């Protein structure tokens, strides 16, 4: 067994582990926090850094709190529930600013106030693993253990929207009764403002009795039930009378319908605030021509269209574009168009890139938007709002932005929105 060391925790890693230094080498300690004195045991040695288990906290941080979740430390779904909410938000802000400086070599002129949402019961999209474990003689449902490939044995999730908090326990109990209990590897969860759905991934079609049990489970809990027998195009509802899944933005003036496996921001309240913040930062005028890149279902496109002369939403997924068009019709938005385009292949861009755009909103995936920068420069927009899901990709893109005097601003940054890590 490795030797136990005493050390001071001097920093926090991007994945929520405390960082100590022993003989000049960084040691990452799960469960430790900055400003703490701890005892640790090294579990993995690497060339540039080591990993360690926390043995004892000798002097605790003033920001340490008791985790609300009974499974914290085992379940890998959250990593920082032992750190106060305010300190979590501050840590995220530091990570953003450090990435901008270290990777992008840029310094924002100002930092906007972070968007805040509920600390608990906020997650409306999740993928729960399901597995019948022979050694335990029962089914487990939930997230994987921290740093391990096994499913955590959990009963309740504190960050899933209510009334879905008890879903891991209830779902496991249901699947245990099914003949195909070993043929269901996952269940996806999607909740709208007024309805929620479960998508059962099945490797073998359920029989009549299993279907009756699954449908009864949904009926009893007010959940829509879908089956997925293959790829995403095989998702089908068990009943034809389900109400559409939807959520509202822009003060309730825009209602976005979505499917149970469509991408959407997982935190409803933060998404509402993010749309409002983007509209405020862009300062849209009635005469503006706007382009919304990576537009998805029209989350930003449609609120923008209520204020601008015209908005073009561009997205690489044809299914999402089709649903965005339907959302525009449903909301009686006539000045929004949508185009299907692989935004990572500028050499194949269509004629839409030759138009003039006063404002640009882009919300790229973790890969960033580097391929778009040269194209965007030709538009000479008055303002750009870049919504990044990963501070590293934002930092990599910023140095290449062709800034021209009087046009683009890259002098503001907003810390990430808050939710338990």
Protein backbone atom coordinates (compact mmCIF):
# COMPACT_ATOMS: atom_id res chain seq x y z
CA UNK A 1 0.00 0.00 0.00
CA UNK A 2 1.27 3.47 -0.90
CA UNK A 3 2.69 5.77 1.76
CA UNK A 4 0.38 8.34 3.34
CA UNK A 5 1.47 11.98 2.94
CA UNK A 6 0.42 15.24 4.54
CA UNK A 7 0.02 18.14 2.13
CA UNK A 8 -1.65 21.49 1.56
CA UNK A 9 -4.20 21.78 -1.24
CA UNK A 10 -3.20 24.77 -3.32
CA UNK A 11 -5.61 24.72 -6.26
CA UNK A 12 -8.66 23.07 -7.83
CA UNK A 13 -8.56 21.16 -11.13
CA UNK A 14 -11.13 21.60 -13.91
CA UNK A 15 -12.78 18.31 -12.89
CA UNK A 16 -13.15 19.28 -9.23
CA UNK A 17 -10.11 17.60 -7.64
CA UNK A 18 -7.85 19.37 -5.18
CA UNK A 19 -4.25 19.87 -6.27
CA UNK A 20 -1.33 19.40 -3.88
CA UNK A 21 2.41 19.41 -4.55
CA UNK A 22 4.75 16.78 -3.15
CA UNK A 23 8.45 17.21 -3.94
CA UNK A 24 7.44 19.65 -6.67
CA UNK A 25 5.09 17.21 -8.43
CA UNK A 26 1.37 17.88 -8.78
CA UNK A 27 -0.91 15.42 -7.01
CA UNK A 28 -4.65 15.41 -7.81
CA UNK A 29 -6.78 14.52 -4.79
CA UNK A 30 -10.49 13.71 -5.23
CA UNK A 31 -12.59 15.22 -2.43
CA UNK A 32 -10.01 17.78 -1.30
CA UNK A 33 -10.47 21.55 -1.53
CA UNK A 34 -8.11 24.53 -1.78
CA UNK A 35 -6.86 25.95 1.53
CA UNK A 36 -7.11 22.54 3.21
CA UNK A 37 -4.44 20.50 4.98
CA UNK A 38 -5.02 16.80 4.24
CA UNK A 39 -3.62 13.33 4.50
CA UNK A 40 -3.57 11.53 1.17
CA UNK A 41 -2.50 8.23 -0.34
CA UNK A 42 -1.11 8.16 -3.89
CA UNK A 43 -3.05 5.65 -6.02
CA UNK A 44 -1.62 6.24 -9.50
CA UNK A 45 1.79 7.56 -10.48
CA UNK A 46 2.27 9.26 -13.82
CA UNK A 47 5.16 11.09 -15.43
CA UNK A 48 3.85 14.62 -14.92
CA UNK A 49 1.31 14.18 -12.13
CA UNK A 50 0.01 11.67 -9.59
CA UNK A 51 -3.50 10.80 -8.47
CA UNK A 52 -4.38 10.29 -4.82
CA UNK A 53 -7.20 9.26 -2.51
CA UNK A 54 -8.20 11.52 0.38
CA UNK A 55 -7.46 9.83 3.71
CA UNK A 56 -8.32 12.62 6.15
CA UNK A 57 -9.01 16.35 6.20
CA UNK A 58 -6.78 17.81 8.91
CA UNK A 59 -7.84 21.44 8.43
CA UNK A 60 -11.04 22.04 6.45
CA UNK A 61 -11.79 24.91 4.09
CA UNK A 62 -14.35 27.45 5.29
CA UNK A 63 -16.18 26.72 2.01
CA UNK A 64 -16.59 22.99 2.71
CA UNK A 65 -20.23 21.92 3.12
CA UNK A 66 -22.04 18.65 3.72
CA UNK A 67 -23.11 17.19 0.34
CA UNK A 68 -26.86 17.00 -0.07
CA UNK A 69 -26.71 13.79 -2.10
CA UNK A 70 -26.41 10.54 -0.14
CA UNK A 71 -24.38 9.04 -3.01
CA UNK A 72 -21.84 11.84 -3.42
CA UNK A 73 -18.31 10.51 -3.69
CA UNK A 74 -19.47 7.24 -5.25
CA UNK A 75 -21.69 8.43 -8.11
CA UNK A 76 -19.72 10.20 -10.81
CA UNK A 77 -22.54 12.54 -11.78
CA UNK A 78 -21.31 15.38 -9.54
CA UNK A 79 -17.83 16.24 -8.29
CA UNK A 80 -18.09 19.35 -6.11
CA UNK A 81 -21.13 19.07 -3.85
CA UNK A 82 -18.78 19.38 -0.87
CA UNK A 83 -17.98 22.95 -1.97
CA UNK A 84 -20.43 25.79 -1.29
CA UNK A 85 -22.49 27.05 -4.23
CA UNK A 86 -20.83 30.46 -4.24
CA UNK A 87 -17.36 28.94 -4.20
CA UNK A 88 -18.29 26.59 -7.06
CA UNK A 89 -19.32 29.56 -9.14
CA UNK A 90 -16.09 31.39 -8.28
CA UNK A 91 -14.09 28.30 -9.29
CA UNK A 92 -15.81 28.20 -12.66
CA UNK A 93 -15.07 31.88 -13.19
CA UNK A 94 -11.38 31.35 -12.39
CA UNK A 95 -11.24 28.45 -14.84
CA UNK A 96 -12.74 30.60 -17.59
CA UNK A 97 -10.34 33.50 -17.02
CA UNK A 98 -7.33 31.20 -16.67
CA UNK A 99 -8.20 29.49 -19.95
CA UNK A 100 -8.51 32.83 -21.72
CA UNK A 101 -5.10 33.89 -20.45
CA UNK A 102 -3.19 30.59 -20.71
CA UNK A 103 -4.63 29.20 -23.95
CA UNK A 104 -5.86 32.30 -25.74
CA UNK A 105 -3.44 34.89 -24.36
CA UNK A 106 -6.36 37.32 -24.08
CA UNK A 107 -7.63 39.36 -21.17
CA UNK A 108 -11.28 40.52 -21.04
CA UNK A 109 -11.79 44.19 -20.35
CA UNK A 110 -14.75 43.35 -18.13
CA UNK A 111 -16.40 40.27 -16.64
CA UNK A 112 -20.18 40.11 -16.66
CA UNK A 113 -22.19 38.85 -13.73
CA UNK A 114 -22.70 35.08 -13.93
CA UNK A 115 -26.06 33.61 -14.75
CA UNK A 116 -27.52 31.82 -11.75
CA UNK A 117 -30.08 29.07 -11.59
CA UNK A 118 -31.42 26.66 -8.98
CA UNK A 119 -28.77 24.67 -7.12
CA UNK A 120 -30.87 21.50 -7.04
CA UNK A 121 -33.53 19.74 -9.15
CA UNK A 122 -32.54 21.60 -12.31
CA UNK A 123 -31.42 18.91 -14.76
CA UNK A 124 -34.08 18.19 -17.42
CA UNK A 125 -32.01 15.95 -19.73
CA UNK A 126 -30.05 12.88 -18.64
CA UNK A 127 -28.95 9.47 -19.85
CA UNK A 128 -29.26 6.85 -17.15
CA UNK A 129 -27.37 3.59 -17.45
CA UNK A 130 -29.30 0.41 -16.62
CA UNK A 131 -27.77 -2.97 -15.79
CA UNK A 132 -28.81 -6.23 -14.19
CA UNK A 133 -25.93 -7.12 -11.88
CA UNK A 134 -25.81 -10.87 -11.28
CA UNK A 135 -23.63 -10.63 -8.17
CA UNK A 136 -26.17 -8.32 -6.55
CA UNK A 137 -29.14 -10.17 -7.99
CA UNK A 138 -30.87 -6.94 -8.98
CA UNK A 139 -30.95 -4.05 -11.42
CA UNK A 140 -29.07 -0.77 -10.98
CA UNK A 141 -30.07 2.44 -12.75
CA UNK A 142 -28.30 5.80 -12.72
CA UNK A 143 -24.87 7.24 -13.45
CA UNK A 144 -21.49 5.55 -13.42
CA UNK A 145 -19.24 5.47 -10.39
CA UNK A 146 -16.56 8.12 -10.16
CA UNK A 147 -13.56 7.11 -12.32
CA UNK A 148 -14.96 3.59 -12.79
CA UNK A 149 -16.93 1.83 -15.53
CA UNK A 150 -19.51 0.39 -13.11
CA UNK A 151 -22.96 1.80 -12.47
CA UNK A 152 -23.29 3.43 -9.08
CA UNK A 153 -25.81 1.87 -6.71
CA UNK A 154 -28.02 4.92 -6.17
CA UNK A 155 -31.62 5.51 -5.23
CA UNK A 156 -32.20 9.22 -5.74
CA UNK A 157 -30.62 11.99 -7.84
CA UNK A 158 -30.79 15.46 -6.28
CA UNK A 159 -30.16 17.35 -9.52
CA UNK A 160 -32.86 15.77 -11.71
CA UNK A 161 -35.99 17.92 -12.03
CA UNK A 162 -38.85 16.86 -9.83
CA UNK A 163 -40.69 14.56 -9.77
CA UNK A 164 -37.84 12.59 -11.37
CA UNK A 165 -35.48 12.62 -8.38
CA UNK A 166 -36.48 9.09 -7.36
CA UNK A 167 -36.26 7.77 -10.92
CA UNK A 168 -33.06 5.69 -10.42
CA UNK A 169 -34.72 3.66 -7.65
CA UNK A 170 -38.11 3.38 -9.36
CA UNK A 171 -36.65 2.55 -12.76
CA UNK A 172 -34.46 -0.19 -11.32
CA UNK A 173 -37.47 -1.72 -9.57
CA UNK A 174 -39.46 -1.71 -12.81
CA UNK A 175 -36.72 -3.25 -14.98
CA UNK A 176 -36.18 -6.04 -12.42
CA UNK A 177 -39.70 -7.28 -13.19
CA UNK A 178 -39.18 -7.41 -16.97
CA UNK A 179 -38.34 -10.48 -19.02
CA UNK A 180 -35.86 -8.34 -21.01
CA UNK A 181 -34.19 -6.87 -17.91
CA UNK A 182 -30.75 -7.74 -19.35
CA UNK A 183 -31.58 -6.15 -22.71
CA UNK A 184 -32.10 -2.54 -21.55
CA UNK A 185 -28.72 -0.74 -21.37
CA UNK A 186 -30.00 2.81 -20.87
CA UNK A 187 -33.00 5.07 -20.41
CA UNK A 188 -32.92 8.70 -21.52
CA UNK A 189 -34.84 11.34 -19.60
CA UNK A 190 -36.24 14.52 -21.13
CA UNK A 191 -38.50 17.00 -19.33
CA UNK A 192 -40.35 19.96 -20.77
CA UNK A 193 -42.27 22.64 -18.92
CA UNK A 194 -45.40 20.51 -18.70
CA UNK A 195 -44.47 16.94 -19.56
CA UNK A 196 -41.58 14.49 -19.25
CA UNK A 197 -40.53 11.45 -21.27
CA UNK A 198 -38.44 8.31 -20.87
CA UNK A 199 -36.77 6.62 -23.83
CA UNK A 200 -36.00 2.95 -23.19
CA UNK A 201 -33.13 1.66 -25.34
CA UNK A 202 -34.00 -1.97 -25.94
CA UNK A 203 -31.71 -4.56 -27.54
CA UNK A 204 -34.63 -6.96 -27.88
CA UNK A 205 -38.29 -6.05 -28.52
CA UNK A 206 -40.30 -6.33 -25.31
CA UNK A 207 -43.15 -8.82 -25.18
CA UNK A 208 -46.76 -7.97 -24.43
CA UNK A 209 -46.39 -8.35 -20.65
CA UNK A 210 -43.25 -6.21 -20.56
CA UNK A 211 -44.92 -3.55 -22.69
CA UNK A 212 -47.88 -3.49 -20.32
CA UNK A 213 -45.59 -3.03 -17.30
CA UNK A 214 -43.53 -0.28 -18.95
CA UNK A 215 -46.62 1.58 -20.13
CA UNK A 216 -48.22 1.21 -16.69
CA UNK A 217 -45.09 2.67 -15.12
CA UNK A 218 -45.42 5.73 -17.34
CA UNK A 219 -49.16 6.10 -16.81
CA UNK A 220 -48.82 5.87 -13.01
CA UNK A 221 -46.13 8.58 -12.91
CA UNK A 222 -47.44 10.81 -15.69
CA UNK A 223 -44.46 10.04 -17.94
CA UNK A 224 -44.44 9.58 -21.69
CA UNK A 225 -42.77 6.32 -22.73
CA UNK A 226 -40.75 5.81 -25.90
CA UNK A 227 -38.85 2.76 -27.15
CA UNK A 228 -35.59 2.92 -29.12
CA UNK A 229 -34.72 -0.30 -30.93
CA UNK A 230 -31.73 1.00 -32.91
CA UNK A 231 -30.46 4.44 -33.94
CA UNK A 232 -32.13 7.72 -33.04
CA UNK A 233 -34.47 7.36 -36.02
CA UNK A 234 -36.06 4.30 -34.35
CA UNK A 235 -37.43 6.19 -31.33
CA UNK A 236 -41.18 5.61 -31.15
CA UNK A 237 -43.87 6.49 -28.55
CA UNK A 238 -45.86 3.72 -26.88
CA UNK A 239 -48.99 5.87 -27.12
CA UNK A 240 -50.18 8.13 -29.92
CA UNK A 241 -51.89 10.71 -27.69
CA UNK A 242 -48.84 12.17 -25.91
CA UNK A 243 -48.81 15.95 -25.67
CA UNK A 244 -45.77 17.63 -27.28
CA UNK A 245 -42.71 18.20 -25.12
CA UNK A 246 -41.96 21.91 -25.02
CA UNK A 247 -40.47 24.78 -23.04
CA UNK A 248 -40.81 28.54 -23.20
CA UNK A 249 -38.33 31.41 -23.50
CA UNK A 250 -38.47 35.14 -24.06
CA UNK A 251 -40.95 35.81 -21.26
CA UNK A 252 -43.17 32.96 -22.42
CA UNK A 253 -43.68 34.53 -25.85
CA UNK A 254 -41.81 31.73 -27.64
CA UNK A 255 -42.59 28.04 -27.10
CA UNK A 256 -40.05 25.52 -28.39
CA UNK A 257 -41.23 21.97 -29.10
CA UNK A 258 -38.65 19.19 -29.01
CA UNK A 259 -38.32 15.43 -29.19
CA UNK A 260 -37.22 13.24 -26.27
CA UNK A 261 -33.71 12.72 -27.71
CA UNK A 262 -33.17 16.22 -29.16
CA UNK A 263 -30.36 18.39 -27.83
CA UNK A 264 -31.38 21.17 -25.46
CA UNK A 265 -29.78 23.07 -22.60
CA UNK A 266 -30.17 20.88 -19.51
CA UNK A 267 -30.88 23.72 -17.07
CA UNK A 268 -34.22 25.32 -17.90
CA UNK A 269 -33.90 28.45 -15.76
CA UNK A 270 -30.35 29.16 -16.89
CA UNK A 271 -31.42 28.72 -20.53
CA UNK A 272 -34.17 31.32 -20.07
CA UNK A 273 -31.65 33.74 -18.54
CA UNK A 274 -29.08 32.95 -21.25
CA UNK A 275 -31.52 33.80 -24.05
CA UNK A 276 -32.41 37.08 -22.33
CA UNK A 277 -28.72 37.90 -21.80
CA UNK A 278 -27.85 37.19 -25.44
CA UNK A 279 -30.67 39.44 -26.64
CA UNK A 280 -29.47 42.22 -24.35
CA UNK A 281 -25.83 41.93 -25.39
CA UNK A 282 -26.62 41.93 -29.11
CA UNK A 283 -28.78 45.08 -28.78
CA UNK A 284 -30.95 44.03 -31.72
CA UNK A 285 -32.47 46.77 -33.88
CA UNK A 286 -35.63 46.40 -36.01
CA UNK A 287 -33.55 46.85 -39.18
CA UNK A 288 -30.91 44.23 -38.32
CA UNK A 289 -30.05 41.16 -40.36
CA UNK A 290 -28.94 38.42 -37.95
CA UNK A 291 -27.37 34.98 -38.36
CA UNK A 292 -27.65 32.33 -35.64
CA UNK A 293 -24.99 29.64 -36.13
CA UNK A 294 -25.51 26.16 -34.65
CA UNK A 295 -29.14 27.20 -34.16
CA UNK A 296 -30.58 23.81 -33.16
CA UNK A 297 -34.32 23.97 -32.51
CA UNK A 298 -34.43 27.78 -32.75
CA UNK A 299 -33.76 28.47 -29.07
CA UNK A 300 -32.14 31.83 -29.90
CA UNK A 301 -33.32 32.26 -33.49
CA UNK A 302 -36.99 32.79 -32.73
CA UNK A 303 -36.54 35.33 -29.89
CA UNK A 304 -34.10 37.19 -32.16
CA UNK A 305 -36.67 37.22 -34.96
CA UNK A 306 -39.16 39.03 -32.71
CA UNK A 307 -36.75 41.99 -32.66
CA UNK A 308 -34.86 41.94 -35.97
CA UNK A 309 -35.77 42.47 -39.62
CA UNK A 310 -34.63 38.97 -40.55
CA UNK A 311 -32.81 36.05 -38.92
CA UNK A 312 -31.13 33.08 -40.57
CA UNK A 313 -30.57 30.00 -38.41
CA UNK A 314 -27.89 27.58 -39.62
CA UNK A 315 -27.49 24.04 -38.30
CA UNK A 316 -25.83 20.84 -39.48
CA UNK A 317 -28.56 18.43 -38.34
CA UNK A 318 -31.41 18.27 -40.89
CA UNK A 319 -33.83 16.90 -38.29
CA UNK A 320 -33.23 19.85 -35.97
CA UNK A 321 -33.60 22.29 -38.86
CA UNK A 322 -36.94 20.73 -39.78
CA UNK A 323 -38.11 21.11 -36.17
CA UNK A 324 -36.82 24.70 -36.02
CA UNK A 325 -38.90 25.56 -39.09
CA UNK A 326 -41.93 23.96 -37.47
CA UNK A 327 -41.30 25.96 -34.29
CA UNK A 328 -41.18 29.17 -36.34
CA UNK A 329 -44.56 28.36 -37.92
CA UNK A 330 -46.02 27.38 -34.55
CA UNK A 331 -44.94 30.71 -33.05
CA UNK A 332 -46.10 32.69 -36.11
CA UNK A 333 -42.59 33.87 -36.87
CA UNK A 334 -42.39 34.80 -40.54
CA UNK A 335 -39.01 36.52 -40.70
CA UNK A 336 -36.83 33.54 -39.74
CA UNK A 337 -35.30 31.17 -42.27
CA UNK A 338 -33.20 28.07 -41.66
CA UNK A 339 -30.44 26.35 -43.60
CA UNK A 340 -28.79 22.96 -43.27
CA UNK A 341 -25.01 23.37 -43.37
CA UNK A 342 -21.99 21.55 -41.97
CA UNK A 343 -20.42 24.52 -40.20
CA UNK A 344 -17.08 22.73 -39.94
CA UNK A 345 -16.61 22.66 -43.74
CA UNK A 346 -16.40 26.28 -44.97
CA UNK A 347 -15.28 25.25 -48.46
CA UNK A 348 -18.76 23.82 -49.02
CA UNK A 349 -20.76 26.72 -47.60
CA UNK A 350 -23.79 27.82 -49.60
CA UNK A 351 -24.85 31.21 -50.92
CA UNK A 352 -26.05 32.36 -47.48
CA UNK A 353 -22.46 33.31 -46.58
CA UNK A 354 -22.52 36.05 -49.22
CA UNK A 355 -25.24 38.01 -47.46
CA UNK A 356 -24.70 40.89 -45.04
CA UNK A 357 -25.26 40.29 -41.32
CA UNK A 358 -25.32 43.05 -38.74
CA UNK A 359 -25.24 40.64 -35.79
CA UNK A 360 -23.91 37.13 -35.24
CA UNK A 361 -24.83 34.67 -32.52
CA UNK A 362 -22.97 31.37 -32.38
CA UNK A 363 -23.41 28.50 -29.96
CA UNK A 364 -20.92 25.83 -31.11
CA UNK A 365 -20.23 22.41 -29.57
CA UNK A 366 -16.99 21.65 -27.71
CA UNK A 367 -15.08 21.63 -31.01
CA UNK A 368 -15.48 25.41 -31.19
CA UNK A 369 -15.98 27.60 -34.25
CA UNK A 370 -12.49 28.09 -35.71
CA UNK A 371 -13.62 27.14 -39.24
CA UNK A 372 -16.16 29.98 -39.25
CA UNK A 373 -13.90 32.87 -38.34
CA UNK A 374 -12.71 33.85 -41.81
CA UNK A 375 -16.28 33.73 -43.12
CA UNK A 376 -17.54 35.86 -40.26
CA UNK A 377 -14.89 38.49 -40.90
CA UNK A 378 -16.33 39.10 -44.35
CA UNK A 379 -19.69 40.06 -42.87
CA UNK A 380 -18.17 42.82 -40.72
CA UNK A 381 -20.93 42.43 -38.07
CA UNK A 382 -21.60 45.16 -35.55
CA UNK A 383 -21.54 42.67 -32.68
CA UNK A 384 -20.95 38.97 -32.05
CA UNK A 385 -22.16 36.93 -29.09
CA UNK A 386 -20.31 33.63 -28.69
CA UNK A 387 -21.94 31.14 -26.30
CA UNK A 388 -19.37 28.51 -25.40
CA UNK A 389 -20.06 25.21 -23.65
CA UNK A 390 -16.32 24.75 -23.04
CA UNK A 391 -13.93 27.54 -21.93
CA UNK A 392 -10.98 25.82 -23.62
CA UNK A 393 -12.53 25.93 -27.10
CA UNK A 394 -13.54 29.56 -26.62
CA UNK A 395 -9.99 30.43 -25.57
CA UNK A 396 -8.54 28.64 -28.61
CA UNK A 397 -10.84 30.50 -30.99
CA UNK A 398 -10.40 34.02 -29.63
CA UNK A 399 -6.81 34.74 -30.78
CA UNK A 400 -7.80 34.03 -34.40
CA UNK A 401 -10.75 36.40 -34.43
CA UNK A 402 -10.04 39.06 -37.11
CA UNK A 403 -10.89 42.09 -34.99
CA UNK A 404 -11.45 45.31 -36.89
CA UNK A 405 -11.75 48.69 -35.25
CA UNK A 406 -15.33 49.70 -34.69
CA UNK A 407 -16.72 46.26 -35.46
CA UNK A 408 -16.17 43.29 -33.20
CA UNK A 409 -15.84 43.32 -29.44
CA UNK A 410 -14.03 40.62 -27.49
CA UNK A 411 -13.70 42.62 -24.32
CA UNK A 412 -16.32 40.86 -22.22
CA UNK A 413 -16.58 37.47 -20.61
CA UNK A 414 -19.32 35.90 -18.55
CA UNK A 415 -18.55 33.14 -16.06
CA UNK A 416 -20.39 29.86 -16.64
CA UNK A 417 -23.84 29.41 -15.17
CA UNK A 418 -24.11 27.68 -11.82
CA UNK A 419 -25.20 24.14 -11.05
CA UNK A 420 -23.75 21.60 -8.60
CA UNK A 421 -20.63 19.93 -9.98
